[in-house]
Amino acid sequence: MQCKDAQKQLRAFSLGELPVEIRQAVNEHLSGCGACRLKLAAIDDVAGVLAAAKMPPIPAGFAPRVLALARQRRNAEAAEIWNMLRW
C-alpha cells in the first residue's frame, strides 16, 4: 500500500471502521512509514480533543425556533419563485 492510499484510510482506521483486510494492509504500511504514523497520531490527537470537549446545553425552544425559521425561508423562496413565474 502506498502512502496516498493509506492516508485515505487513516480516519476510518483510527475509528476502527475498516474491514479486516484493509485494516491489516494499513497496519502493515504504518509499521514501515513514519510519515503516515505521524498523520495517524495527529488524527488521534484531534479525535481525543473532540471527545473530551463538553457540548454546550441546547437552549429551551431551540428546535421549534429553527424549524419556524426554516419554514419562513422556504415560504419566502416559494413566494419569490411564484412572483417570477407570474411575470
PDB file of N, CA and C in Angstrom:
ATOM      1  N   MET A   1       0.855  -1.183   0.000  1.00  0.00           N
ATOM      2  CA  MET A   1       0.000   0.000   0.000  1.00  0.00           C
ATOM      3  C   MET A   1       0.891   1.232   0.000  1.00  0.00           C
ATOM      4  N   GLN A   2       0.529   2.215  -0.799  1.00  0.00           N
ATOM      5  CA  GLN A   2       1.283   3.460  -0.862  1.00  0.00           C
ATOM      6  C   GLN A   2       0.704   4.465   0.134  1.00  0.00           C
ATOM      7  N   CYS A   3       1.505   5.485   0.433  1.00  0.00           N
ATOM      8  CA  CYS A   3       1.094   6.495   1.417  1.00  0.00           C
ATOM      9  C   CYS A   3      -0.251   7.125   1.070  1.00  0.00           C
ATOM     10  N   LYS A   4      -0.435   7.508  -0.187  1.00  0.00           N
ATOM     11  CA  LYS A   4      -1.691   8.183  -0.540  1.00  0.00           C
ATOM     12  C   LYS A   4      -2.891   7.289  -0.276  1.00  0.00           C
ATOM     13  N   ASP A   5      -2.750   5.992  -0.514  1.00  0.00           N
ATOM     14  CA  ASP A   5      -3.848   5.059  -0.259  1.00  0.00           C
ATOM     15  C   ASP A   5      -4.065   4.864   1.240  1.00  0.00           C
ATOM     16  N   ALA A   6      -2.973   4.746   1.971  1.00  0.00           N
ATOM     17  CA  ALA A   6      -3.070   4.560   3.423  1.00  0.00           C
ATOM     18  C   ALA A   6      -3.687   5.791   4.077  1.00  0.00           C
ATOM     19  N   GLN A   7      -3.261   6.976   3.634  1.00  0.00           N
ATOM     20  CA  GLN A   7      -3.748   8.205   4.255  1.00  0.00           C
ATOM     21  C   GLN A   7      -5.242   8.413   4.034  1.00  0.00           C
ATOM     22  N   LYS A   8      -5.772   7.907   2.941  1.00  0.00           N
ATOM     23  CA  LYS A   8      -7.213   7.992   2.701  1.00  0.00           C
ATOM     24  C   LYS A   8      -7.993   7.154   3.716  1.00  0.00           C
ATOM     25  N   GLN A   9      -7.323   6.171   4.303  1.00  0.00           N
ATOM     26  CA  GLN A   9      -7.986   5.238   5.210  1.00  0.00           C
ATOM     27  C   GLN A   9      -7.739   5.556   6.686  1.00  0.00           C
ATOM     28  N   LEU A  10      -6.895   6.549   6.986  1.00  0.00           N
ATOM     29  CA  LEU A  10      -6.464   6.747   8.367  1.00  0.00           C
ATOM     30  C   LEU A  10      -7.597   7.109   9.324  1.00  0.00           C
ATOM     31  N   ARG A  11      -8.541   7.934   8.890  1.00  0.00           N
ATOM     32  CA  ARG A  11      -9.638   8.302   9.787  1.00  0.00           C
ATOM     33  C   ARG A  11     -10.462   7.067  10.149  1.00  0.00           C
ATOM     34  N   ALA A  12     -10.812   6.288   9.144  1.00  0.00           N
ATOM     35  CA  ALA A  12     -11.587   5.069   9.398  1.00  0.00           C
ATOM     36  C   ALA A  12     -10.763   4.072  10.212  1.00  0.00           C
ATOM     37  N   PHE A  13      -9.455   4.017   9.958  1.00  0.00           N
ATOM     38  CA  PHE A  13      -8.564   3.149  10.717  1.00  0.00           C
ATOM     39  C   PHE A  13      -8.588   3.550  12.191  1.00  0.00           C
ATOM     40  N   SER A  14      -8.480   4.847  12.439  1.00  0.00           N
ATOM     41  CA  SER A  14      -8.471   5.354  13.804  1.00  0.00           C
ATOM     42  C   SER A  14      -9.767   5.029  14.539  1.00  0.00           C
ATOM     43  N   LEU A  15     -10.871   5.056  13.815  1.00  0.00           N
ATOM     44  CA  LEU A  15     -12.170   4.777  14.419  1.00  0.00           C
ATOM     45  C   LEU A  15     -12.516   3.290  14.460  1.00  0.00           C
ATOM     46  N   GLY A  16     -11.648   2.449  13.873  1.00  0.00           N
ATOM     47  CA  GLY A  16     -11.909   1.013  13.853  1.00  0.00           C
ATOM     48  C   GLY A  16     -13.018   0.623  12.900  1.00  0.00           C
ATOM     49  N   GLU A  17     -13.190   1.403  11.832  1.00  0.00           N
ATOM     50  CA  GLU A  17     -14.300   1.172  10.902  1.00  0.00           C
ATOM     51  C   GLU A  17     -13.906   0.430   9.632  1.00  0.00           C
ATOM     52  N   LEU A  18     -12.659   0.015   9.519  1.00  0.00           N
ATOM     53  CA  LEU A  18     -12.216  -0.640   8.290  1.00  0.00           C
ATOM     54  C   LEU A  18     -12.460  -2.142   8.336  1.00  0.00           C
ATOM     55  N   PRO A  19     -12.750  -2.732   7.180  1.00  0.00           N
ATOM     56  CA  PRO A  19     -12.794  -4.192   7.114  1.00  0.00           C
ATOM     57  C   PRO A  19     -11.423  -4.765   7.473  1.00  0.00           C
ATOM     58  N   VAL A  20     -11.411  -5.978   7.941  1.00  0.00           N
ATOM     59  CA  VAL A  20     -10.184  -6.606   8.459  1.00  0.00           C
ATOM     60  C   VAL A  20      -9.041  -6.556   7.450  1.00  0.00           C
ATOM     61  N   GLU A  21      -9.319  -6.895   6.179  1.00  0.00           N
ATOM     62  CA  GLU A  21      -8.231  -6.964   5.197  1.00  0.00           C
ATOM     63  C   GLU A  21      -7.623  -5.590   4.919  1.00  0.00           C
ATOM     64  N   ILE A  22      -8.451  -4.563   4.885  1.00  0.00           N
ATOM     65  CA  ILE A  22      -7.913  -3.216   4.650  1.00  0.00           C
ATOM     66  C   ILE A  22      -7.189  -2.723   5.894  1.00  0.00           C
ATOM     67  N   ARG A  23      -7.738  -3.020   7.052  1.00  0.00           N
ATOM     68  CA  ARG A  23      -7.087  -2.628   8.311  1.00  0.00           C
ATOM     69  C   ARG A  23      -5.698  -3.255   8.402  1.00  0.00           C
ATOM     70  N   GLN A  24      -5.579  -4.516   8.014  1.00  0.00           N
ATOM     71  CA  GLN A  24      -4.276  -5.186   8.048  1.00  0.00           C
ATOM     72  C   GLN A  24      -3.300  -4.529   7.074  1.00  0.00           C
ATOM     73  N   ALA A  25      -3.777  -4.163   5.891  1.00  0.00           N
ATOM     74  CA  ALA A  25      -2.910  -3.522   4.900  1.00  0.00           C
ATOM     75  C   ALA A  25      -2.432  -2.165   5.403  1.00  0.00           C
ATOM     76  N   VAL A  26      -3.336  -1.399   5.996  1.00  0.00           N
ATOM     77  CA  VAL A  26      -2.941  -0.094   6.551  1.00  0.00           C
ATOM     78  C   VAL A  26      -1.966  -0.300   7.699  1.00  0.00           C
ATOM     79  N   ASN A  27      -2.230  -1.262   8.546  1.00  0.00           N
ATOM     80  CA  ASN A  27      -1.352  -1.544   9.682  1.00  0.00           C
ATOM     81  C   ASN A  27       0.047  -1.927   9.209  1.00  0.00           C
ATOM     82  N   GLU A  28       0.130  -2.744   8.177  1.00  0.00           N
ATOM     83  CA  GLU A  28       1.435  -3.108   7.607  1.00  0.00           C
ATOM     84  C   GLU A  28       2.150  -1.870   7.083  1.00  0.00           C
ATOM     85  N   HIS A  29       1.421  -1.022   6.388  1.00  0.00           N
ATOM     86  CA  HIS A  29       2.024   0.196   5.860  1.00  0.00           C
ATOM     87  C   HIS A  29       2.527   1.070   7.008  1.00  0.00           C
ATOM     88  N   LEU A  30       1.717   1.207   8.057  1.00  0.00           N
ATOM     89  CA  LEU A  30       2.109   2.046   9.191  1.00  0.00           C
ATOM     90  C   LEU A  30       3.359   1.528   9.889  1.00  0.00           C
ATOM     91  N   SER A  31       3.549   0.215   9.872  1.00  0.00           N
ATOM     92  CA  SER A  31       4.727  -0.350  10.546  1.00  0.00           C
ATOM     93  C   SER A  31       6.022   0.094   9.891  1.00  0.00           C
ATOM     94  N   GLY A  32       5.961   0.479   8.618  1.00  0.00           N
ATOM     95  CA  GLY A  32       7.172   0.902   7.935  1.00  0.00           C
ATOM     96  C   GLY A  32       7.193   2.351   7.495  1.00  0.00           C
ATOM     97  N   CYS A  33       6.175   3.128   7.859  1.00  0.00           N
ATOM     98  CA  CYS A  33       6.091   4.504   7.365  1.00  0.00           C
ATOM     99  C   CYS A  33       5.878   5.483   8.516  1.00  0.00           C
ATOM    100  N   GLY A  34       6.933   6.175   8.876  1.00  0.00           N
ATOM    101  CA  GLY A  34       6.860   7.158   9.956  1.00  0.00           C
ATOM    102  C   GLY A  34       5.963   8.334   9.637  1.00  0.00           C
ATOM    103  N   ALA A  35       5.947   8.764   8.378  1.00  0.00           N
ATOM    104  CA  ALA A  35       5.123   9.911   7.996  1.00  0.00           C
ATOM    105  C   ALA A  35       3.637   9.604   8.198  1.00  0.00           C
ATOM    106  N   CYS A  36       3.213   8.439   7.812  1.00  0.00           N
ATOM    107  CA  CYS A  36       1.806   8.061   7.985  1.00  0.00           C
ATOM    108  C   CYS A  36       1.477   7.839   9.462  1.00  0.00           C
ATOM    109  N   ARG A  37       2.443   7.334  10.230  1.00  0.00           N
ATOM    110  CA  ARG A  37       2.222   7.187  11.669  1.00  0.00           C
ATOM    111  C   ARG A  37       2.010   8.552  12.316  1.00  0.00           C
ATOM    112  N   LEU A  38       2.765   9.558  11.865  1.00  0.00           N
ATOM    113  CA  LEU A  38       2.595  10.914  12.394  1.00  0.00           C
ATOM    114  C   LEU A  38       1.215  11.464  12.042  1.00  0.00           C
ATOM    115  N   LYS A  39       0.762  11.203  10.821  1.00  0.00           N
ATOM    116  CA  LYS A  39      -0.575  11.661  10.425  1.00  0.00           C
ATOM    117  C   LYS A  39      -1.655  10.969  11.258  1.00  0.00           C
ATOM    118  N   LEU A  40      -1.476   9.686  11.500  1.00  0.00           N
ATOM    119  CA  LEU A  40      -2.425   8.957  12.331  1.00  0.00           C
ATOM    120  C   LEU A  40      -2.423   9.508  13.753  1.00  0.00           C
ATOM    121  N   ALA A  41      -1.249   9.815  14.279  1.00  0.00           N
ATOM    122  CA  ALA A  41      -1.164  10.387  15.623  1.00  0.00           C
ATOM    123  C   ALA A  41      -1.889  11.729  15.687  1.00  0.00           C
ATOM    124  N   ALA A  42      -1.762  12.535  14.638  1.00  0.00           N
ATOM    125  CA  ALA A  42      -2.465  13.823  14.604  1.00  0.00           C
ATOM    126  C   ALA A  42      -3.975  13.616  14.582  1.00  0.00           C
ATOM    127  N   ILE A  43      -4.425  12.640  13.804  1.00  0.00           N
ATOM    128  CA  ILE A  43      -5.865  12.330  13.752  1.00  0.00           C
ATOM    129  C   ILE A  43      -6.346  11.880  15.126  1.00  0.00           C
ATOM    130  N   ASP A  44      -5.573  11.018  15.773  1.00  0.00           N
ATOM    131  CA  ASP A  44      -5.944  10.538  17.102  1.00  0.00           C
ATOM    132  C   ASP A  44      -5.973  11.676  18.118  1.00  0.00           C
ATOM    133  N   ASP A  45      -5.022  12.623  17.999  1.00  0.00           N
ATOM    134  CA  ASP A  45      -4.999  13.775  18.913  1.00  0.00           C
ATOM    135  C   ASP A  45      -6.251  14.625  18.754  1.00  0.00           C
ATOM    136  N   VAL A  46      -6.618  14.910  17.521  1.00  0.00           N
ATOM    137  CA  VAL A  46      -7.818  15.714  17.270  1.00  0.00           C
ATOM    138  C   VAL A  46      -9.053  14.980  17.775  1.00  0.00           C
ATOM    139  N   ALA A  47      -9.127  13.691  17.512  1.00  0.00           N
ATOM    140  CA  ALA A  47     -10.273  12.908  17.971  1.00  0.00           C
ATOM    141  C   ALA A  47     -10.362  12.935  19.495  1.00  0.00           C
ATOM    142  N   GLY A  48      -9.216  12.884  20.161  1.00  0.00           N
ATOM    143  CA  GLY A  48      -9.197  12.945  21.625  1.00  0.00           C
ATOM    144  C   GLY A  48      -9.692  14.278  22.154  1.00  0.00           C
ATOM    145  N   VAL A  49      -9.264  15.341  21.518  1.00  0.00           N
ATOM    146  CA  VAL A  49      -9.709  16.676  21.936  1.00  0.00           C
ATOM    147  C   VAL A  49     -11.215  16.814  21.740  1.00  0.00           C
ATOM    148  N   LEU A  50     -11.711  16.365  20.597  1.00  0.00           N
ATOM    149  CA  LEU A  50     -13.148  16.459  20.330  1.00  0.00           C
ATOM    150  C   LEU A  50     -13.956  15.605  21.298  1.00  0.00           C
ATOM    151  N   ALA A  51     -13.445  14.436  21.623  1.00  0.00           N
ATOM    152  CA  ALA A  51     -14.164  13.545  22.540  1.00  0.00           C
ATOM    153  C   ALA A  51     -14.215  14.144  23.946  1.00  0.00           C
ATOM    154  N   ALA A  52     -13.165  14.878  24.327  1.00  0.00           N
ATOM    155  CA  ALA A  52     -13.105  15.457  25.664  1.00  0.00           C
ATOM    156  C   ALA A  52     -13.877  16.765  25.774  1.00  0.00           C
ATOM    157  N   ALA A  53     -14.204  17.376  24.637  1.00  0.00           N
ATOM    158  CA  ALA A  53     -14.897  18.660  24.651  1.00  0.00           C
ATOM    159  C   ALA A  53     -16.321  18.499  25.175  1.00  0.00           C
ATOM    160  N   LYS A  54     -16.715  19.428  25.996  1.00  0.00           N
ATOM    161  CA  LYS A  54     -18.074  19.403  26.526  1.00  0.00           C
ATOM    162  C   LYS A  54     -18.990  20.140  25.559  1.00  0.00           C
ATOM    163  N   MET A  55     -20.117  19.542  25.297  1.00  0.00           N
ATOM    164  CA  MET A  55     -21.107  20.161  24.428  1.00  0.00           C
ATOM    165  C   MET A  55     -21.910  21.158  25.257  1.00  0.00           C
ATOM    166  N   PRO A  56     -22.117  22.348  24.727  1.00  0.00           N
ATOM    167  CA  PRO A  56     -22.949  23.298  25.474  1.00  0.00           C
ATOM    168  C   PRO A  56     -24.391  22.817  25.494  1.00  0.00           C
ATOM    169  N   PRO A  57     -25.125  23.195  26.524  1.00  0.00           N
ATOM    170  CA  PRO A  57     -26.532  22.771  26.575  1.00  0.00           C
ATOM    171  C   PRO A  57     -27.323  23.455  25.466  1.00  0.00           C
ATOM    172  N   ILE A  58     -28.308  22.750  24.958  1.00  0.00           N
ATOM    173  CA  ILE A  58     -29.178  23.303  23.919  1.00  0.00           C
ATOM    174  C   ILE A  58     -30.273  24.097  24.619  1.00  0.00           C
ATOM    175  N   PRO A  59     -30.419  25.377  24.243  1.00  0.00           N
ATOM    176  CA  PRO A  59     -31.425  26.212  24.908  1.00  0.00           C
ATOM    177  C   PRO A  59     -32.846  25.682  24.693  1.00  0.00           C
ATOM    178  N   ALA A  60     -33.684  25.916  25.667  1.00  0.00           N
ATOM    179  CA  ALA A  60     -35.086  25.510  25.562  1.00  0.00           C
ATOM    180  C   ALA A  60     -35.717  26.203  24.359  1.00  0.00           C
ATOM    181  N   GLY A  61     -36.498  25.482  23.599  1.00  0.00           N
ATOM    182  CA  GLY A  61     -37.200  26.039  22.459  1.00  0.00           C
ATOM    183  C   GLY A  61     -36.351  26.203  21.213  1.00  0.00           C
ATOM    184  N   PHE A  62     -35.138  25.695  21.233  1.00  0.00           N
ATOM    185  CA  PHE A  62     -34.226  25.865  20.094  1.00  0.00           C
ATOM    186  C   PHE A  62     -34.777  25.206  18.834  1.00  0.00           C
ATOM    187  N   ALA A  63     -35.176  23.953  18.931  1.00  0.00           N
ATOM    188  CA  ALA A  63     -35.651  23.214  17.751  1.00  0.00           C
ATOM    189  C   ALA A  63     -36.873  23.876  17.128  1.00  0.00           C
ATOM    190  N   PRO A  64     -37.891  24.264  17.895  1.00  0.00           N
ATOM    191  CA  PRO A  64     -39.039  24.924  17.275  1.00  0.00           C
ATOM    192  C   PRO A  64     -38.668  26.246  16.579  1.00  0.00           C
ATOM    193  N   ARG A  65     -37.733  26.996  17.169  1.00  0.00           N
ATOM    194  CA  ARG A  65     -37.309  28.253  16.538  1.00  0.00           C
ATOM    195  C   ARG A  65     -36.600  27.995  15.215  1.00  0.00           C
ATOM    196  N   VAL A  66     -35.744  26.978  15.175  1.00  0.00           N
ATOM    197  CA  VAL A  66     -35.028  26.648  13.937  1.00  0.00           C
ATOM    198  C   VAL A  66     -36.016  26.198  12.871  1.00  0.00           C
ATOM    199  N   LEU A  67     -36.963  25.356  13.243  1.00  0.00           N
ATOM    200  CA  LEU A  67     -37.960  24.879  12.279  1.00  0.00           C
ATOM    201  C   LEU A  67     -38.829  26.023  11.770  1.00  0.00           C
ATOM    202  N   ALA A  68     -39.215  26.931  12.650  1.00  0.00           N
ATOM    203  CA  ALA A  68     -40.027  28.069  12.231  1.00  0.00           C
ATOM    204  C   ALA A  68     -39.256  28.947  11.247  1.00  0.00           C
ATOM    205  N   LEU A  69     -37.980  29.178  11.519  1.00  0.00           N
ATOM    206  CA  LEU A  69     -37.159  29.973  10.610  1.00  0.00           C
ATOM    207  C   LEU A  69     -37.008  29.280   9.256  1.00  0.00           C
ATOM    208  N   ALA A  70     -36.824  27.978   9.276  1.00  0.00           N
ATOM    209  CA  ALA A  70     -36.705  27.220   8.026  1.00  0.00           C
ATOM    210  C   ALA A  70     -38.003  27.323   7.215  1.00  0.00           C
ATOM    211  N   ARG A  71     -39.139  27.231   7.890  1.00  0.00           N
ATOM    212  CA  ARG A  71     -40.420  27.364   7.182  1.00  0.00           C
ATOM    213  C   ARG A  71     -40.588  28.761   6.591  1.00  0.00           C
ATOM    214  N   GLN A  72     -40.183  29.790   7.347  1.00  0.00           N
ATOM    215  CA  GLN A  72     -40.262  31.168   6.846  1.00  0.00           C
ATOM    216  C   GLN A  72     -39.444  31.323   5.573  1.00  0.00           C
ATOM    217  N   ARG A  73     -38.229  30.815   5.621  1.00  0.00           N
ATOM    218  CA  ARG A  73     -37.347  30.936   4.454  1.00  0.00           C
ATOM    219  C   ARG A  73     -37.907  30.164   3.264  1.00  0.00           C
ATOM    220  N   ARG A  74     -38.406  28.970   3.526  1.00  0.00           N
ATOM    221  CA  ARG A  74     -38.993  28.172   2.444  1.00  0.00           C
ATOM    222  C   ARG A  74     -40.170  28.900   1.824  1.00  0.00           C
ATOM    223  N   ASN A  75     -41.046  29.455   2.660  1.00  0.00           N
ATOM    224  CA  ASN A  75     -42.218  30.171   2.158  1.00  0.00           C
ATOM    225  C   ASN A  75     -41.811  31.422   1.390  1.00  0.00           C
ATOM    226  N   ALA A  76     -40.788  32.135   1.878  1.00  0.00           N
ATOM    227  CA  ALA A  76     -40.325  33.341   1.187  1.00  0.00           C
ATOM    228  C   ALA A  76     -39.748  32.973  -0.177  1.00  0.00           C
ATOM    229  N   GLU A  77     -38.976  31.890  -0.242  1.00  0.00           N
ATOM    230  CA  GLU A  77     -38.406  31.458  -1.522  1.00  0.00           C
ATOM    231  C   GLU A  77     -39.509  31.012  -2.479  1.00  0.00           C
ATOM    232  N   ALA A  78     -40.502  30.318  -1.968  1.00  0.00           N
ATOM    233  CA  ALA A  78     -41.608  29.870  -2.816  1.00  0.00           C
ATOM    234  C   ALA A  78     -42.375  31.071  -3.350  1.00  0.00           C
ATOM    235  N   ALA A  79     -42.601  32.081  -2.517  1.00  0.00           N
ATOM    236  CA  ALA A  79     -43.302  33.282  -2.964  1.00  0.00           C
ATOM    237  C   ALA A  79     -42.490  34.020  -4.023  1.00  0.00           C
ATOM    238  N   GLU A  80     -41.186  34.078  -3.832  1.00  0.00           N
ATOM    239  CA  GLU A  80     -40.323  34.743  -4.808  1.00  0.00           C
ATOM    240  C   GLU A  80     -40.368  34.018  -6.155  1.00  0.00           C
ATOM    241  N   ILE A  81     -40.323  32.723  -6.129  1.00  0.00           N
ATOM    242  CA  ILE A  81     -40.393  31.943  -7.369  1.00  0.00           C
ATOM    243  C   ILE A  81     -41.758  32.138  -8.035  1.00  0.00           C
ATOM    244  N   TRP A  82     -42.810  32.122  -7.240  1.00  0.00           N
ATOM    245  CA  TRP A  82     -44.146  32.309  -7.783  1.00  0.00           C
ATOM    246  C   TRP A  82     -44.265  33.681  -8.456  1.00  0.00           C
ATOM    247  N   ASN A  83     -43.703  34.717  -7.804  1.00  0.00           N
ATOM    248  CA  ASN A  83     -43.745  36.060  -8.392  1.00  0.00           C
ATOM    249  C   ASN A  83     -42.975  36.119  -9.699  1.00  0.00           C
ATOM    250  N   MET A  84     -41.873  35.426  -9.791  1.00  0.00           N
ATOM    251  CA  MET A  84     -41.091  35.412 -11.045  1.00  0.00           C
ATOM    252  C   MET A  84     -41.876  34.708 -12.143  1.00  0.00           C
ATOM    253  N   LEU A  85     -42.581  33.642 -11.787  1.00  0.00           N
ATOM    254  CA  LEU A  85     -43.337  32.888 -12.786  1.00  0.00           C
ATOM    255  C   LEU A  85     -44.543  33.672 -13.278  1.00  0.00           C
ATOM    256  N   ARG A  86     -45.111  34.523 -12.462  1.00  0.00           N
ATOM    257  CA  ARG A  86     -46.287  35.301 -12.871  1.00  0.00           C
ATOM    258  C   ARG A  86     -45.922  36.328 -13.928  1.00  0.00           C
ATOM    259  N   TRP A  87     -44.694  36.778 -13.973  1.00  0.00           N
ATOM    260  CA  TRP A  87     -44.297  37.762 -14.986  1.00  0.00           C
ATOM    261  C   TRP A  87     -44.287  37.077 -16.295  1.00  0.00           C
TER     262      TRP A  87
END
